[in-house]
Amino acid sequence: VITQDGIKGIIDEDSWVLIRKSNTEDIIRVSAESNNVDKCKKIVKNT
């Protein structure tokens, strides 16, 4: 877990999720990256 820009969780060597407060809106943003689209959608859905 890395907390420099929010909370970033490393799922595995090819996937991560970042949760952070927006700088321009009163919302929380969830970003994810993976080498598999379905896995990425699942990460965001379960966050």
N, C-alpha and C. Protein backbone atom coordinates (compact mmCIF):
# COMPACT_ATOMS: atom_id res chain seq x y z
N VAL A 1 0.85 -1.18 0.00
CA VAL A 1 0.00 0.00 0.00
C VAL A 1 0.89 1.23 0.00
N ILE A 2 0.59 2.15 -0.92
CA ILE A 2 1.33 3.41 -1.03
C ILE A 2 0.33 4.54 -0.76
N THR A 3 0.68 5.52 0.08
CA THR A 3 -0.27 6.57 0.47
C THR A 3 0.15 7.98 0.07
N GLN A 4 1.04 8.13 -0.89
CA GLN A 4 1.54 9.44 -1.28
C GLN A 4 0.44 10.31 -1.91
N ASP A 5 -0.33 9.79 -2.86
CA ASP A 5 -1.36 10.57 -3.56
C ASP A 5 -2.77 10.13 -3.22
N GLY A 6 -2.93 9.27 -2.28
CA GLY A 6 -4.20 8.66 -1.92
C GLY A 6 -3.83 7.31 -1.34
N ILE A 7 -4.67 6.33 -1.59
CA ILE A 7 -4.35 4.97 -1.16
C ILE A 7 -4.21 4.11 -2.41
N LYS A 8 -3.02 3.60 -2.65
CA LYS A 8 -2.77 2.76 -3.81
C LYS A 8 -2.47 1.35 -3.33
N GLY A 9 -3.24 0.41 -3.83
CA GLY A 9 -3.03 -0.98 -3.48
C GLY A 9 -2.52 -1.75 -4.68
N ILE A 10 -1.46 -2.48 -4.50
CA ILE A 10 -0.92 -3.32 -5.56
C ILE A 10 -1.61 -4.68 -5.45
N ILE A 11 -2.36 -5.04 -6.47
CA ILE A 11 -3.11 -6.30 -6.46
C ILE A 11 -2.17 -7.46 -6.79
N ASP A 12 -1.43 -7.32 -7.88
CA ASP A 12 -0.40 -8.28 -8.28
C ASP A 12 0.57 -7.54 -9.19
N GLU A 13 1.46 -8.24 -9.84
CA GLU A 13 2.50 -7.55 -10.64
C GLU A 13 1.93 -6.78 -11.82
N ASP A 14 0.69 -7.06 -12.23
CA ASP A 14 0.09 -6.39 -13.38
C ASP A 14 -1.14 -5.56 -13.05
N SER A 15 -1.50 -5.42 -11.78
CA SER A 15 -2.75 -4.74 -11.42
C SER A 15 -2.59 -3.89 -10.16
N TRP A 16 -3.27 -2.72 -10.17
CA TRP A 16 -3.29 -1.86 -9.00
C TRP A 16 -4.59 -1.07 -8.95
N VAL A 17 -4.90 -0.50 -7.79
CA VAL A 17 -6.05 0.37 -7.61
C VAL A 17 -5.61 1.59 -6.81
N LEU A 18 -6.12 2.77 -7.17
CA LEU A 18 -5.82 4.02 -6.46
C LEU A 18 -7.13 4.67 -6.05
N ILE A 19 -7.25 5.01 -4.78
CA ILE A 19 -8.42 5.71 -4.24
C ILE A 19 -7.93 7.04 -3.71
N ARG A 20 -8.52 8.14 -4.22
CA ARG A 20 -8.06 9.46 -3.78
C ARG A 20 -9.20 10.47 -3.85
N LYS A 21 -9.05 11.55 -3.11
CA LYS A 21 -10.00 12.66 -3.14
C LYS A 21 -9.71 13.48 -4.39
N SER A 22 -10.77 13.88 -5.09
CA SER A 22 -10.62 14.73 -6.25
C SER A 22 -10.13 16.11 -5.83
N ASN A 23 -9.28 16.72 -6.64
CA ASN A 23 -8.81 18.08 -6.36
C ASN A 23 -9.77 19.15 -6.88
N THR A 24 -10.72 18.76 -7.75
CA THR A 24 -11.61 19.73 -8.38
C THR A 24 -13.08 19.55 -8.03
N GLU A 25 -13.44 18.38 -7.48
CA GLU A 25 -14.83 18.10 -7.13
C GLU A 25 -14.88 17.49 -5.74
N ASP A 26 -16.05 17.52 -5.14
CA ASP A 26 -16.23 16.94 -3.81
C ASP A 26 -16.60 15.46 -3.94
N ILE A 27 -15.69 14.67 -4.50
CA ILE A 27 -15.92 13.25 -4.73
C ILE A 27 -14.64 12.46 -4.46
N ILE A 28 -14.79 11.17 -4.35
CA ILE A 28 -13.66 10.25 -4.24
C ILE A 28 -13.49 9.57 -5.60
N ARG A 29 -12.29 9.51 -6.09
CA ARG A 29 -12.01 8.86 -7.38
C ARG A 29 -11.37 7.50 -7.15
N VAL A 30 -11.78 6.54 -7.96
CA VAL A 30 -11.20 5.20 -7.93
C VAL A 30 -10.64 4.93 -9.32
N SER A 31 -9.34 4.67 -9.39
CA SER A 31 -8.68 4.34 -10.65
C SER A 31 -8.05 2.97 -10.51
N ALA A 32 -8.08 2.21 -11.58
CA ALA A 32 -7.47 0.88 -11.55
C ALA A 32 -6.79 0.61 -12.88
N GLU A 33 -5.80 -0.26 -12.83
CA GLU A 33 -5.10 -0.67 -14.05
C GLU A 33 -4.78 -2.15 -13.94
N SER A 34 -4.95 -2.84 -15.06
CA SER A 34 -4.65 -4.26 -15.14
C SER A 34 -4.40 -4.61 -16.59
N ASN A 35 -3.75 -5.73 -16.84
CA ASN A 35 -3.54 -6.17 -18.21
C ASN A 35 -4.75 -6.95 -18.72
N ASN A 36 -5.82 -7.05 -17.90
CA ASN A 36 -7.04 -7.77 -18.25
C ASN A 36 -8.24 -6.87 -17.95
N VAL A 37 -9.05 -6.57 -18.96
CA VAL A 37 -10.17 -5.65 -18.80
C VAL A 37 -11.17 -6.15 -17.76
N ASP A 38 -11.52 -7.42 -17.80
CA ASP A 38 -12.48 -7.97 -16.84
C ASP A 38 -11.95 -7.88 -15.41
N LYS A 39 -10.67 -8.15 -15.24
CA LYS A 39 -10.05 -8.06 -13.92
C LYS A 39 -10.09 -6.62 -13.41
N CYS A 40 -9.83 -5.67 -14.30
CA CYS A 40 -9.85 -4.25 -13.93
C CYS A 40 -11.25 -3.83 -13.49
N LYS A 41 -12.27 -4.24 -14.23
CA LYS A 41 -13.65 -3.93 -13.87
C LYS A 41 -14.01 -4.53 -12.51
N LYS A 42 -13.55 -5.75 -12.26
CA LYS A 42 -13.82 -6.42 -10.99
C LYS A 42 -13.15 -5.68 -9.83
N ILE A 43 -11.92 -5.21 -10.05
CA ILE A 43 -11.20 -4.46 -9.01
C ILE A 43 -11.98 -3.20 -8.64
N VAL A 44 -12.43 -2.45 -9.65
CA VAL A 44 -13.17 -1.20 -9.39
C VAL A 44 -14.50 -1.51 -8.71
N LYS A 45 -15.21 -2.52 -9.17
CA LYS A 45 -16.51 -2.88 -8.60
C LYS A 45 -16.39 -3.27 -7.13
N ASN A 46 -15.32 -3.96 -6.78
CA ASN A 46 -15.15 -4.45 -5.41
C ASN A 46 -14.46 -3.45 -4.48
N THR A 47 -14.13 -2.28 -4.99
CA THR A 47 -13.43 -1.28 -4.18
C THR A 47 -14.40 -0.35 -3.50
